[in-house]
PDB file of N, CA and C in Angstrom:
ATOM      1  N   UNK A   1      51.524 123.045 142.581  1.00  0.00           N
ATOM      2  CA  UNK A   1      51.168 123.011 141.177  1.00  0.00           C
ATOM      3  C   UNK A   1      50.845 121.634 140.784  1.00  0.00           C
ATOM      4  N   UNK A   2      49.781 121.446 140.039  1.00  0.00           N
ATOM      5  CA  UNK A   2      49.384 120.131 139.522  1.00  0.00           C
ATOM      6  C   UNK A   2      49.765 120.016 138.027  1.00  0.00           C
ATOM      7  N   UNK A   3      50.560 119.034 137.622  1.00  0.00           N
ATOM      8  CA  UNK A   3      50.882 118.950 136.228  1.00  0.00           C
ATOM      9  C   UNK A   3      49.745 118.582 135.351  1.00  0.00           C
ATOM     10  N   UNK A   4      49.878 118.786 134.079  1.00  0.00           N
ATOM     11  CA  UNK A   4      48.793 118.486 133.101  1.00  0.00           C
ATOM     12  C   UNK A   4      48.394 117.003 133.143  1.00  0.00           C
ATOM     13  N   UNK A   5      49.326 116.118 133.532  1.00  0.00           N
ATOM     14  CA  UNK A   5      49.017 114.706 133.518  1.00  0.00           C
ATOM     15  C   UNK A   5      48.106 114.308 134.689  1.00  0.00           C
ATOM     16  N   UNK A   6      47.776 115.246 135.557  1.00  0.00           N
ATOM     17  CA  UNK A   6      46.836 114.974 136.643  1.00  0.00           C
ATOM     18  C   UNK A   6      47.457 114.370 137.889  1.00  0.00           C
ATOM     19  N   UNK A   7      48.780 114.286 137.970  1.00  0.00           N
ATOM     20  CA  UNK A   7      49.444 113.730 139.097  1.00  0.00           C
ATOM     21  C   UNK A   7      49.901 114.848 140.021  1.00  0.00           C
ATOM     22  N   UNK A   8      49.675 114.722 141.324  1.00  0.00           N
ATOM     23  CA  UNK A   8      50.169 115.708 142.266  1.00  0.00           C
ATOM     24  C   UNK A   8      51.597 115.372 142.627  1.00  0.00           C
ATOM     25  N   UNK A   9      52.469 116.355 142.583  1.00  0.00           N
ATOM     26  CA  UNK A   9      53.813 116.127 142.901  1.00  0.00           C
ATOM     27  C   UNK A   9      54.113 116.624 144.322  1.00  0.00           C
ATOM     28  N   UNK A  10      54.561 115.750 145.177  1.00  0.00           N
ATOM     29  CA  UNK A  10      54.891 116.194 146.538  1.00  0.00           C
ATOM     30  C   UNK A  10      56.225 116.948 146.497  1.00  0.00           C
ATOM     31  N   UNK A  11      56.463 117.734 147.533  1.00  0.00           N
ATOM     32  CA  UNK A  11      57.687 118.513 147.593  1.00  0.00           C
ATOM     33  C   UNK A  11      58.900 117.604 147.627  1.00  0.00           C
ATOM     34  N   UNK A  12      59.777 117.791 146.721  1.00  0.00           N
ATOM     35  CA  UNK A  12      60.973 116.984 146.557  1.00  0.00           C
ATOM     36  C   UNK A  12      62.179 117.920 146.689  1.00  0.00           C
ATOM     37  N   UNK A  13      63.117 117.580 147.532  1.00  0.00           N
ATOM     38  CA  UNK A  13      64.330 118.371 147.660  1.00  0.00           C
ATOM     39  C   UNK A  13      65.499 117.649 146.974  1.00  0.00           C
ATOM     40  N   UNK A  14      66.424 118.471 146.434  1.00  0.00           N
ATOM     41  CA  UNK A  14      67.592 117.954 145.769  1.00  0.00           C
ATOM     42  C   UNK A  14      68.751 118.739 146.260  1.00  0.00           C
ATOM     43  N   UNK A  15      69.889 118.038 146.573  1.00  0.00           N
ATOM     44  CA  UNK A  15      71.084 118.709 147.032  1.00  0.00           C
ATOM     45  C   UNK A  15      72.297 118.283 146.194  1.00  0.00           C
ATOM     46  N   UNK A  16      73.172 119.255 145.936  1.00  0.00           N
ATOM     47  CA  UNK A  16      74.399 118.999 145.143  1.00  0.00           C
ATOM     48  C   UNK A  16      75.542 119.611 145.951  1.00  0.00           C
ATOM     49  N   UNK A  17      76.611 118.865 146.128  1.00  0.00           N
ATOM     50  CA  UNK A  17      77.816 119.342 146.818  1.00  0.00           C
ATOM     51  C   UNK A  17      78.751 119.825 145.763  1.00  0.00           C
ATOM     52  N   UNK A  18      79.206 121.073 145.906  1.00  0.00           N
ATOM     53  CA  UNK A  18      80.140 121.639 144.948  1.00  0.00           C
ATOM     54  C   UNK A  18      81.530 121.622 145.525  1.00  0.00           C
ATOM     55  N   UNK A  19      82.474 121.085 144.722  1.00  0.00           N
ATOM     56  CA  UNK A  19      83.909 120.995 145.189  1.00  0.00           C
ATOM     57  C   UNK A  19      84.794 121.706 144.176  1.00  0.00           C
ATOM     58  N   UNK A  20      85.971 122.142 144.638  1.00  0.00           N
ATOM     59  CA  UNK A  20      86.974 122.698 143.760  1.00  0.00           C
ATOM     60  C   UNK A  20      88.142 121.713 143.702  1.00  0.00           C
ATOM     61  N   UNK A  21      88.696 121.588 142.506  1.00  0.00           N
ATOM     62  CA  UNK A  21      89.803 120.664 142.312  1.00  0.00           C
ATOM     63  C   UNK A  21      90.839 121.387 141.492  1.00  0.00           C
ATOM     64  N   UNK A  22      92.037 121.545 142.049  1.00  0.00           N
ATOM     65  CA  UNK A  22      93.069 122.358 141.420  1.00  0.00           C
ATOM     66  C   UNK A  22      94.050 121.557 140.551  1.00  0.00           C
ATOM     67  N   UNK A  23      93.846 120.320 140.309  1.00  0.00           N
ATOM     68  CA  UNK A  23      94.785 119.533 139.517  1.00  0.00           C
ATOM     69  C   UNK A  23      94.215 119.345 138.114  1.00  0.00           C
ATOM     70  N   UNK A  24      95.099 118.990 137.223  1.00  0.00           N
ATOM     71  CA  UNK A  24      94.689 118.737 135.802  1.00  0.00           C
ATOM     72  C   UNK A  24      94.135 117.327 135.716  1.00  0.00           C
ATOM     73  N   UNK A  25      94.717 116.377 136.487  1.00  0.00           N
ATOM     74  CA  UNK A  25      94.265 114.999 136.434  1.00  0.00           C
ATOM     75  C   UNK A  25      92.873 114.860 137.051  1.00  0.00           C
ATOM     76  N   UNK A  26      91.900 114.452 136.262  1.00  0.00           N
ATOM     77  CA  UNK A  26      90.514 114.333 136.732  1.00  0.00           C
ATOM     78  C   UNK A  26      90.087 112.909 136.999  1.00  0.00           C
ATOM     79  N   UNK A  27      91.026 112.057 137.334  1.00  0.00           N
ATOM     80  CA  UNK A  27      90.719 110.630 137.637  1.00  0.00           C
ATOM     81  C   UNK A  27      90.231 110.531 139.079  1.00  0.00           C
ATOM     82  N   UNK A  28      88.924 110.517 139.287  1.00  0.00           N
ATOM     83  CA  UNK A  28      88.365 110.254 140.624  1.00  0.00           C
ATOM     84  C   UNK A  28      86.991 109.612 140.434  1.00  0.00           C
ATOM     85  N   UNK A  29      86.608 108.901 141.484  1.00  0.00           N
ATOM     86  CA  UNK A  29      85.325 108.250 141.474  1.00  0.00           C
ATOM     87  C   UNK A  29      84.232 109.171 141.886  1.00  0.00           C
ATOM     88  N   UNK A  30      83.100 109.153 141.248  1.00  0.00           N
ATOM     89  CA  UNK A  30      81.977 110.027 141.596  1.00  0.00           C
ATOM     90  C   UNK A  30      81.600 109.822 143.052  1.00  0.00           C
ATOM     91  N   UNK A  31      81.449 110.924 143.736  1.00  0.00           N
ATOM     92  CA  UNK A  31      81.031 110.888 145.136  1.00  0.00           C
ATOM     93  C   UNK A  31      82.158 110.833 146.142  1.00  0.00           C
ATOM     94  N   UNK A  32      83.398 110.649 145.687  1.00  0.00           N
ATOM     95  CA  UNK A  32      84.535 110.589 146.593  1.00  0.00           C
ATOM     96  C   UNK A  32      85.251 111.944 146.618  1.00  0.00           C
ATOM     97  N   UNK A  33      85.627 112.372 147.781  1.00  0.00           N
ATOM     98  CA  UNK A  33      86.466 113.553 147.935  1.00  0.00           C
ATOM     99  C   UNK A  33      87.899 113.073 148.102  1.00  0.00           C
ATOM    100  N   UNK A  34      88.762 113.465 147.176  1.00  0.00           N
ATOM    101  CA  UNK A  34      90.152 112.964 147.248  1.00  0.00           C
ATOM    102  C   UNK A  34      91.112 114.138 147.477  1.00  0.00           C
ATOM    103  N   UNK A  35      92.362 113.784 147.706  1.00  0.00           N
ATOM    104  CA  UNK A  35      93.381 114.838 147.968  1.00  0.00           C
ATOM    105  C   UNK A  35      93.404 115.836 146.802  1.00  0.00           C
ATOM    106  N   UNK A  36      93.436 117.084 147.191  1.00  0.00           N
ATOM    107  CA  UNK A  36      93.408 118.149 146.172  1.00  0.00           C
ATOM    108  C   UNK A  36      92.014 118.751 145.962  1.00  0.00           C
ATOM    109  N   UNK A  37      90.986 118.114 146.475  1.00  0.00           N
ATOM    110  CA  UNK A  37      89.607 118.644 146.393  1.00  0.00           C
ATOM    111  C   UNK A  37      89.290 119.414 147.651  1.00  0.00           C
ATOM    112  N   UNK A  38      88.524 120.479 147.432  1.00  0.00           N
ATOM    113  CA  UNK A  38      88.116 121.325 148.554  1.00  0.00           C
ATOM    114  C   UNK A  38      86.606 121.524 148.481  1.00  0.00           C
ATOM    115  N   UNK A  39      85.912 121.215 149.565  1.00  0.00           N
ATOM    116  CA  UNK A  39      84.454 121.463 149.598  1.00  0.00           C
ATOM    117  C   UNK A  39      84.160 122.951 149.621  1.00  0.00           C
ATOM    118  N   UNK A  40      83.282 123.382 148.709  1.00  0.00           N
ATOM    119  CA  UNK A  40      82.959 124.770 148.560  1.00  0.00           C
ATOM    120  C   UNK A  40      81.596 125.091 149.240  1.00  0.00           C
ATOM    121  N   UNK A  41      80.554 124.351 148.819  1.00  0.00           N
ATOM    122  CA  UNK A  41      79.227 124.622 149.345  1.00  0.00           C
ATOM    123  C   UNK A  41      78.273 123.463 148.970  1.00  0.00           C
ATOM    124  N   UNK A  42      77.067 123.499 149.528  1.00  0.00           N
ATOM    125  CA  UNK A  42      76.013 122.578 149.143  1.00  0.00           C
ATOM    126  C   UNK A  42      74.885 123.411 148.572  1.00  0.00           C
ATOM    127  N   UNK A  43      74.345 122.997 147.448  1.00  0.00           N
ATOM    128  CA  UNK A  43      73.229 123.662 146.827  1.00  0.00           C
ATOM    129  C   UNK A  43      71.979 122.881 147.092  1.00  0.00           C
ATOM    130  N   UNK A  44      70.962 123.527 147.719  1.00  0.00           N
ATOM    131  CA  UNK A  44      69.684 122.840 148.066  1.00  0.00           C
ATOM    132  C   UNK A  44      68.543 123.455 147.260  1.00  0.00           C
ATOM    133  N   UNK A  45      67.715 122.654 146.649  1.00  0.00           N
ATOM    134  CA  UNK A  45      66.608 123.159 145.866  1.00  0.00           C
ATOM    135  C   UNK A  45      65.325 122.304 146.123  1.00  0.00           C
ATOM    136  N   UNK A  46      64.233 122.991 146.079  1.00  0.00           N
ATOM    137  CA  UNK A  46      62.894 122.393 146.171  1.00  0.00           C
ATOM    138  C   UNK A  46      62.424 122.140 144.731  1.00  0.00           C
ATOM    139  N   UNK A  47      62.218 120.925 144.299  1.00  0.00           N
ATOM    140  CA  UNK A  47      61.909 120.617 142.946  1.00  0.00           C
ATOM    141  C   UNK A  47      60.382 120.609 142.642  1.00  0.00           C
ATOM    142  N   UNK A  48      59.548 120.889 143.638  1.00  0.00           N
ATOM    143  CA  UNK A  48      58.092 120.789 143.385  1.00  0.00           C
ATOM    144  C   UNK A  48      57.596 121.795 142.374  1.00  0.00           C
ATOM    145  N   UNK A  49      58.289 122.920 142.136  1.00  0.00           N
ATOM    146  CA  UNK A  49      57.880 123.832 141.086  1.00  0.00           C
ATOM    147  C   UNK A  49      58.043 123.292 139.669  1.00  0.00           C
ATOM    148  N   UNK A  50      58.801 122.174 139.553  1.00  0.00           N
ATOM    149  CA  UNK A  50      59.023 121.590 138.265  1.00  0.00           C
ATOM    150  C   UNK A  50      57.878 120.623 137.794  1.00  0.00           C
ATOM    151  N   UNK A  51      56.821 120.563 138.568  1.00  0.00           N
ATOM    152  CA  UNK A  51      55.713 119.630 138.258  1.00  0.00           C
ATOM    153  C   UNK A  51      55.136 119.850 136.869  1.00  0.00           C
ATOM    154  N   UNK A  52      55.074 121.100 136.424  1.00  0.00           N
ATOM    155  CA  UNK A  52      54.546 121.378 135.095  1.00  0.00           C
ATOM    156  C   UNK A  52      55.409 120.881 133.947  1.00  0.00           C
ATOM    157  N   UNK A  53      56.680 120.507 134.253  1.00  0.00           N
ATOM    158  CA  UNK A  53      57.605 120.047 133.250  1.00  0.00           C
ATOM    159  C   UNK A  53      57.707 118.514 133.203  1.00  0.00           C
ATOM    160  N   UNK A  54      56.914 117.848 134.077  1.00  0.00           N
ATOM    161  CA  UNK A  54      56.937 116.359 134.040  1.00  0.00           C
ATOM    162  C   UNK A  54      56.548 115.817 132.676  1.00  0.00           C
ATOM    163  N   UNK A  55      57.255 114.810 132.251  1.00  0.00           N
ATOM    164  CA  UNK A  55      56.935 114.129 130.999  1.00  0.00           C
ATOM    165  C   UNK A  55      56.716 112.651 131.268  1.00  0.00           C
ATOM    166  N   UNK A  56      55.624 112.148 130.727  1.00  0.00           N
ATOM    167  CA  UNK A  56      55.305 110.716 130.898  1.00  0.00           C
ATOM    168  C   UNK A  56      56.098 109.920 129.820  1.00  0.00           C
ATOM    169  N   UNK A  57      56.854 108.954 130.261  1.00  0.00           N
ATOM    170  CA  UNK A  57      57.677 108.089 129.363  1.00  0.00           C
ATOM    171  C   UNK A  57      57.437 106.655 129.682  1.00  0.00           C
ATOM    172  N   UNK A  58      57.796 105.792 128.753  1.00  0.00           N
ATOM    173  CA  UNK A  58      57.688 104.349 128.918  1.00  0.00           C
ATOM    174  C   UNK A  58      59.051 103.728 129.106  1.00  0.00           C
ATOM    175  N   UNK A  59      59.193 102.835 130.053  1.00  0.00           N
ATOM    176  CA  UNK A  59      60.433 102.070 130.250  1.00  0.00           C
ATOM    177  C   UNK A  59      60.538 100.884 129.293  1.00  0.00           C
ATOM    178  N   UNK A  60      61.606 100.163 129.417  1.00  0.00           N
ATOM    179  CA  UNK A  60      61.865  99.013 128.520  1.00  0.00           C
ATOM    180  C   UNK A  60      60.735  97.966 128.479  1.00  0.00           C
ATOM    181  N   UNK A  61      60.062  97.723 129.645  1.00  0.00           N
ATOM    182  CA  UNK A  61      59.006  96.751 129.676  1.00  0.00           C
ATOM    183  C   UNK A  61      57.625  97.441 129.510  1.00  0.00           C
ATOM    184  N   UNK A  62      57.606  98.701 129.066  1.00  0.00           N
ATOM    185  CA  UNK A  62      56.359  99.406 128.876  1.00  0.00           C
ATOM    186  C   UNK A  62      55.802 100.103 130.107  1.00  0.00           C
ATOM    187  N   UNK A  63      56.444  99.964 131.231  1.00  0.00           N
ATOM    188  CA  UNK A  63      55.961 100.599 132.470  1.00  0.00           C
ATOM    189  C   UNK A  63      56.192 102.113 132.360  1.00  0.00           C
ATOM    190  N   UNK A  64      55.164 102.896 132.677  1.00  0.00           N
ATOM    191  CA  UNK A  64      55.248 104.351 132.590  1.00  0.00           C
ATOM    192  C   UNK A  64      55.961 104.946 133.805  1.00  0.00           C
ATOM    193  N   UNK A  65      56.722 105.991 133.544  1.00  0.00           N
ATOM    194  CA  UNK A  65      57.383 106.732 134.622  1.00  0.00           C
ATOM    195  C   UNK A  65      57.363 108.203 134.265  1.00  0.00           C
ATOM    196  N   UNK A  66      57.696 109.027 135.203  1.00  0.00           N
ATOM    197  CA  UNK A  66      57.758 110.491 134.963  1.00  0.00           C
ATOM    198  C   UNK A  66      59.221 110.943 134.932  1.00  0.00           C
ATOM    199  N   UNK A  67      59.486 111.820 134.023  1.00  0.00           N
ATOM    200  CA  UNK A  67      60.832 112.348 133.846  1.00  0.00           C
ATOM    201  C   UNK A  67      60.750 113.882 133.827  1.00  0.00           C
ATOM    202  N   UNK A  68      61.711 114.508 134.438  1.00  0.00           N
ATOM    203  CA  UNK A  68      61.831 116.006 134.413  1.00  0.00           C
ATOM    204  C   UNK A  68      63.327 116.307 134.183  1.00  0.00           C
ATOM    205  N   UNK A  69      63.589 117.190 133.266  1.00  0.00           N
ATOM    206  CA  UNK A  69      64.945 117.652 132.930  1.00  0.00           C
ATOM    207  C   UNK A  69      65.131 119.053 133.465  1.00  0.00           C
ATOM    208  N   UNK A  70      66.233 119.300 134.141  1.00  0.00           N
ATOM    209  CA  UNK A  70      66.516 120.648 134.632  1.00  0.00           C
ATOM    210  C   UNK A  70      68.017 120.821 134.758  1.00  0.00           C
ATOM    211  N   UNK A  71      68.438 122.063 134.825  1.00  0.00           N
ATOM    212  CA  UNK A  71      69.831 122.420 135.015  1.00  0.00           C
ATOM    213  C   UNK A  71      69.970 123.133 136.326  1.00  0.00           C
ATOM    214  N   UNK A  72      71.084 122.887 137.014  1.00  0.00           N
ATOM    215  CA  UNK A  72      71.471 123.634 138.200  1.00  0.00           C
ATOM    216  C   UNK A  72      72.534 124.642 137.696  1.00  0.00           C
ATOM    217  N   UNK A  73      72.228 125.915 137.742  1.00  0.00           N
ATOM    218  CA  UNK A  73      73.153 126.966 137.206  1.00  0.00           C
ATOM    219  C   UNK A  73      73.825 127.629 138.386  1.00  0.00           C
ATOM    220  N   UNK A  74      75.161 127.699 138.328  1.00  0.00           N
ATOM    221  CA  UNK A  74      75.943 128.330 139.378  1.00  0.00           C
ATOM    222  C   UNK A  74      76.667 129.485 138.780  1.00  0.00           C
ATOM    223  N   UNK A  75      76.557 130.667 139.402  1.00  0.00           N
ATOM    224  CA  UNK A  75      77.172 131.866 138.916  1.00  0.00           C
ATOM    225  C   UNK A  75      78.325 132.265 139.792  1.00  0.00           C
ATOM    226  N   UNK A  76      79.534 132.292 139.223  1.00  0.00           N
ATOM    227  CA  UNK A  76      80.753 132.643 139.938  1.00  0.00           C
ATOM    228  C   UNK A  76      81.109 134.094 139.580  1.00  0.00           C
ATOM    229  N   UNK A  77      81.979 134.724 140.368  1.00  0.00           N
ATOM    230  CA  UNK A  77      82.503 136.034 139.964  1.00  0.00           C
ATOM    231  C   UNK A  77      82.043 137.201 140.778  1.00  0.00           C
ATOM    232  N   UNK A  78      81.059 137.042 141.585  1.00  0.00           N
ATOM    233  CA  UNK A  78      80.614 138.145 142.454  1.00  0.00           C
ATOM    234  C   UNK A  78      81.262 138.038 143.806  1.00  0.00           C
ATOM    235  N   UNK A  79      80.700 138.722 144.752  1.00  0.00           N
ATOM    236  CA  UNK A  79      81.176 138.567 146.136  1.00  0.00           C
ATOM    237  C   UNK A  79      80.731 137.280 146.824  1.00  0.00           C
ATOM    238  N   UNK A  80      79.716 136.642 146.243  1.00  0.00           N
ATOM    239  CA  UNK A  80      79.286 135.342 146.727  1.00  0.00           C
ATOM    240  C   UNK A  80      78.731 134.520 145.583  1.00  0.00           C
ATOM    241  N   UNK A  81      78.673 133.199 145.822  1.00  0.00           N
ATOM    242  CA  UNK A  81      78.103 132.278 144.765  1.00  0.00           C
ATOM    243  C   UNK A  81      76.585 132.506 144.689  1.00  0.00           C
ATOM    244  N   UNK A  82      76.053 132.441 143.487  1.00  0.00           N
ATOM    245  CA  UNK A  82      74.607 132.443 143.302  1.00  0.00           C
ATOM    246  C   UNK A  82      74.267 131.214 142.456  1.00  0.00           C
ATOM    247  N   UNK A  83      73.067 130.731 142.643  1.00  0.00           N
ATOM    248  CA  UNK A  83      72.623 129.559 141.858  1.00  0.00           C
ATOM    249  C   UNK A  83      71.134 129.586 141.666  1.00  0.00           C
ATOM    250  N   UNK A  84      70.692 128.916 140.618  1.00  0.00           N
ATOM    251  CA  UNK A  84      69.234 128.744 140.378  1.00  0.00           C
ATOM    252  C   UNK A  84      68.989 127.490 139.562  1.00  0.00           C
ATOM    253  N   UNK A  85      67.730 127.056 139.519  1.00  0.00           N
ATOM    254  CA  UNK A  85      67.302 125.979 138.663  1.00  0.00           C
ATOM    255  C   UNK A  85      66.751 126.572 137.391  1.00  0.00           C
ATOM    256  N   UNK A  86      66.959 125.862 136.261  1.00  0.00           N
ATOM    257  CA  UNK A  86      66.286 126.256 135.029  1.00  0.00           C
ATOM    258  C   UNK A  86      65.667 125.009 134.402  1.00  0.00           C
ATOM    259  N   UNK A  87      64.441 125.119 133.931  1.00  0.00           N
ATOM    260  CA  UNK A  87      63.775 124.065 133.241  1.00  0.00           C
ATOM    261  C   UNK A  87      62.841 124.631 132.220  1.00  0.00           C
ATOM    262  N   UNK A  88      62.414 123.758 131.286  1.00  0.00           N
ATOM    263  CA  UNK A  88      61.525 124.205 130.217  1.00  0.00           C
ATOM    264  C   UNK A  88      60.173 123.529 130.391  1.00  0.00           C
ATOM    265  N   UNK A  89      59.113 124.356 130.348  1.00  0.00           N
ATOM    266  CA  UNK A  89      57.728 123.849 130.372  1.00  0.00           C
ATOM    267  C   UNK A  89      57.089 124.066 129.030  1.00  0.00           C
ATOM    268  N   UNK A  90      56.372 123.059 128.587  1.00  0.00           N
ATOM    269  CA  UNK A  90      55.603 123.194 127.334  1.00  0.00           C
ATOM    270  C   UNK A  90      54.243 123.770 127.715  1.00  0.00           C
ATOM    271  N   UNK A  91      53.986 124.964 127.286  1.00  0.00           N
ATOM    272  CA  UNK A  91      52.722 125.645 127.627  1.00  0.00           C
ATOM    273  C   UNK A  91      52.142 126.229 126.349  1.00  0.00           C
ATOM    274  N   UNK A  92      50.821 126.393 126.324  1.00  0.00           N
ATOM    275  CA  UNK A  92      50.121 126.903 125.194  1.00  0.00           C
ATOM    276  C   UNK A  92      50.310 128.402 124.971  1.00  0.00           C
ATOM    277  N   UNK A  93      50.337 129.159 126.075  1.00  0.00           N
ATOM    278  CA  UNK A  93      50.510 130.594 125.925  1.00  0.00           C
ATOM    279  C   UNK A  93      51.600 131.050 126.898  1.00  0.00           C
ATOM    280  N   UNK A  94      52.191 132.169 126.595  1.00  0.00           N
ATOM    281  CA  UNK A  94      53.256 132.696 127.402  1.00  0.00           C
ATOM    282  C   UNK A  94      52.663 133.286 128.657  1.00  0.00           C
ATOM    283  N   UNK A  95      53.157 132.842 129.822  1.00  0.00           N
ATOM    284  CA  UNK A  95      52.725 133.367 131.096  1.00  0.00           C
ATOM    285  C   UNK A  95      53.199 134.823 131.236  1.00  0.00           C
ATOM    286  N   UNK A  96      52.528 135.591 132.001  1.00  0.00           N
ATOM    287  CA  UNK A  96      52.847 137.028 132.160  1.00  0.00           C
ATOM    288  C   UNK A  96      53.851 137.279 133.245  1.00  0.00           C
ATOM    289  N   UNK A  97      54.410 136.272 133.882  1.00  0.00           N
ATOM    290  CA  UNK A  97      55.407 136.478 134.951  1.00  0.00           C
ATOM    291  C   UNK A  97      56.672 137.025 134.348  1.00  0.00           C
ATOM    292  N   UNK A  98      57.405 137.797 135.208  1.00  0.00           N
ATOM    293  CA  UNK A  98      58.671 138.307 134.758  1.00  0.00           C
ATOM    294  C   UNK A  98      59.724 137.240 134.677  1.00  0.00           C
ATOM    295  N   UNK A  99      59.515 136.097 135.357  1.00  0.00           N
ATOM    296  CA  UNK A  99      60.500 134.997 135.414  1.00  0.00           C
ATOM    297  C   UNK A  99      60.391 134.125 134.200  1.00  0.00           C
ATOM    298  N   UNK A 100      59.435 134.346 133.294  1.00  0.00           N
ATOM    299  CA  UNK A 100      59.256 133.494 132.143  1.00  0.00           C
ATOM    300  C   UNK A 100      59.960 134.063 130.928  1.00  0.00           C
ATOM    301  N   UNK A 101      60.738 133.283 130.241  1.00  0.00           N
ATOM    302  CA  UNK A 101      61.426 133.748 129.055  1.00  0.00           C
ATOM    303  C   UNK A 101      61.093 132.772 127.943  1.00  0.00           C
ATOM    304  N   UNK A 102      60.763 133.326 126.736  1.00  0.00           N
ATOM    305  CA  UNK A 102      60.568 132.421 125.619  1.00  0.00           C
ATOM    306  C   UNK A 102      61.903 131.840 125.136  1.00  0.00           C
ATOM    307  N   UNK A 103      61.872 130.572 124.786  1.00  0.00           N
ATOM    308  CA  UNK A 103      63.065 129.953 124.250  1.00  0.00           C
ATOM    309  C   UNK A 103      62.854 129.828 122.714  1.00  0.00           C
ATOM    310  N   UNK A 104      63.947 129.503 121.979  1.00  0.00           N
ATOM    311  CA  UNK A 104      63.846 129.359 120.558  1.00  0.00           C
ATOM    312  C   UNK A 104      62.991 128.124 120.170  1.00  0.00           C
ATOM    313  N   UNK A 105      63.075 127.069 120.974  1.00  0.00           N
ATOM    314  CA  UNK A 105      62.211 125.909 120.711  1.00  0.00           C
ATOM    315  C   UNK A 105      60.912 126.107 121.456  1.00  0.00           C
ATOM    316  N   UNK A 106      59.955 125.237 121.288  1.00  0.00           N
ATOM    317  CA  UNK A 106      58.651 125.416 121.938  1.00  0.00           C
ATOM    318  C   UNK A 106      58.848 125.315 123.446  1.00  0.00           C
ATOM    319  N   UNK A 107      58.068 126.085 124.145  1.00  0.00           N
ATOM    320  CA  UNK A 107      58.092 126.033 125.612  1.00  0.00           C
ATOM    321  C   UNK A 107      58.600 127.326 126.207  1.00  0.00           C
ATOM    322  N   UNK A 108      58.501 127.374 127.508  1.00  0.00           N
ATOM    323  CA  UNK A 108      58.943 128.571 128.273  1.00  0.00           C
ATOM    324  C   UNK A 108      60.026 128.165 129.241  1.00  0.00           C
ATOM    325  N   UNK A 109      61.079 128.966 129.291  1.00  0.00           N
ATOM    326  CA  UNK A 109      62.148 128.712 130.203  1.00  0.00           C
ATOM    327  C   UNK A 109      61.743 129.277 131.574  1.00  0.00           C
ATOM    328  N   UNK A 110      61.742 128.446 132.586  1.00  0.00           N
ATOM    329  CA  UNK A 110      61.372 128.833 133.934  1.00  0.00           C
ATOM    330  C   UNK A 110      62.635 128.760 134.804  1.00  0.00           C
ATOM    331  N   UNK A 111      62.623 129.538 135.839  1.00  0.00           N
ATOM    332  CA  UNK A 111      63.701 129.571 136.845  1.00  0.00           C
ATOM    333  C   UNK A 111      63.173 129.469 138.228  1.00  0.00           C
ATOM    334  N   UNK A 112      63.928 128.825 139.117  1.00  0.00           N
ATOM    335  CA  UNK A 112      63.554 128.750 140.499  1.00  0.00           C
ATOM    336  C   UNK A 112      64.738 128.884 141.407  1.00  0.00           C
ATOM    337  N   UNK A 113      64.526 129.184 142.683  1.00  0.00           N
ATOM    338  CA  UNK A 113      65.651 129.454 143.591  1.00  0.00           C
ATOM    339  C   UNK A 113      66.401 128.193 144.050  1.00  0.00           C
ATOM    340  N   UNK A 114      67.641 128.437 144.357  1.00  0.00           N
ATOM    341  CA  UNK A 114      68.533 127.391 144.921  1.00  0.00           C
ATOM    342  C   UNK A 114      69.221 128.037 146.134  1.00  0.00           C
ATOM    343  N   UNK A 115      69.184 127.426 147.288  1.00  0.00           N
ATOM    344  CA  UNK A 115      69.885 127.932 148.447  1.00  0.00           C
ATOM    345  C   UNK A 115      71.344 127.479 148.437  1.00  0.00           C
ATOM    346  N   UNK A 116      72.243 128.446 148.614  1.00  0.00           N
ATOM    347  CA  UNK A 116      73.679 128.177 148.602  1.00  0.00           C
ATOM    348  C   UNK A 116      74.104 128.155 150.074  1.00  0.00           C
ATOM    349  N   UNK A 117      74.557 126.993 150.547  1.00  0.00           N
ATOM    350  CA  UNK A 117      74.971 126.820 151.909  1.00  0.00           C
ATOM    351  C   UNK A 117      76.518 126.669 151.918  1.00  0.00           C
ATOM    352  N   UNK A 118      77.280 127.751 152.275  1.00  0.00           N
ATOM    353  CA  UNK A 118      78.753 127.674 152.238  1.00  0.00           C
ATOM    354  C   UNK A 118      79.239 126.605 153.187  1.00  0.00           C
ATOM    355  N   UNK A 119      80.395 126.013 152.777  1.00  0.00           N
ATOM    356  CA  UNK A 119      81.052 125.004 153.612  1.00  0.00           C
ATOM    357  C   UNK A 119      81.903 125.739 154.627  1.00  0.00           C
ATOM    358  N   UNK A 120      81.811 125.316 155.879  1.00  0.00           N
ATOM    359  CA  UNK A 120      82.651 125.832 156.920  1.00  0.00           C
ATOM    360  C   UNK A 120      83.472 124.707 157.512  1.00  0.00           C
ATOM    361  N   UNK A 121      84.817 124.751 157.347  1.00  0.00           N
ATOM    362  CA  UNK A 121      85.654 123.711 157.827  1.00  0.00           C
ATOM    363  C   UNK A 121      85.640 123.696 159.335  1.00  0.00           C
ATOM    364  N   UNK A 122      85.935 122.536 159.951  1.00  0.00           N
ATOM    365  CA  UNK A 122      85.973 122.434 161.406  1.00  0.00           C
ATOM    366  C   UNK A 122      86.948 123.370 162.041  1.00  0.00           C
ATOM    367  N   UNK A 123      88.100 123.585 161.401  1.00  0.00           N
ATOM    368  CA  UNK A 123      89.106 124.518 161.968  1.00  0.00           C
ATOM    369  C   UNK A 123      88.602 125.949 161.966  1.00  0.00           C
ATOM    370  N   UNK A 124      87.849 126.371 160.969  1.00  0.00           N
ATOM    371  CA  UNK A 124      87.308 127.703 160.917  1.00  0.00           C
ATOM    372  C   UNK A 124      86.139 127.865 161.927  1.00  0.00           C
ATOM    373  N   UNK A 125      85.394 126.771 162.110  1.00  0.00           N
ATOM    374  CA  UNK A 125      84.268 126.834 163.045  1.00  0.00           C
ATOM    375  C   UNK A 125      84.703 126.985 164.506  1.00  0.00           C
ATOM    376  N   UNK A 126      85.890 126.486 164.822  1.00  0.00           N
ATOM    377  CA  UNK A 126      86.383 126.578 166.218  1.00  0.00           C
ATOM    378  C   UNK A 126      86.813 127.942 166.621  1.00  0.00           C
ATOM    379  N   UNK A 127      87.215 128.796 165.670  1.00  0.00           N
ATOM    380  CA  UNK A 127      87.732 130.143 165.959  1.00  0.00           C
ATOM    381  C   UNK A 127      86.642 131.134 166.224  1.00  0.00           C
TER     382      UNK A 127
END
C-alpha cells in the first residue's frame, strides 16, 4: 500500500512480549523481567498495512517525520489468546471491506492480524 503522502513503506515488523505479574507492587524497570513475572507470549505484527495511516509531522527543528498511531489489542478469556492491531485511517469514503468500521470521529477503524507465539519454558520443552 502506498500512503497518500507518496512514500512507499517497507515491511516493518513489531514484537511485544507479554508478561504476567501476580503482585500488587508494580515497581519494575521497563524491559526487565523480575521475580514474580512470568513470560506468557510474544506478539508479532507486520506494520506495512498501516501505511495509509502515516501522518507527516514536524520535529522541534522543523525536520519532517512520519508518525503512525496504533493499538495492540489482546483478547483474554477463550481457550487461547487472540490479538490484533487497530488503527484509524483518514479516508474520503467508506471502504466496502468487512474489516472497516466507521468511528465516531472522522476516519475508518482498520484491523490487522497479530501472530501470538506462546512462551515455552525450557523445562516444558525438555519433556
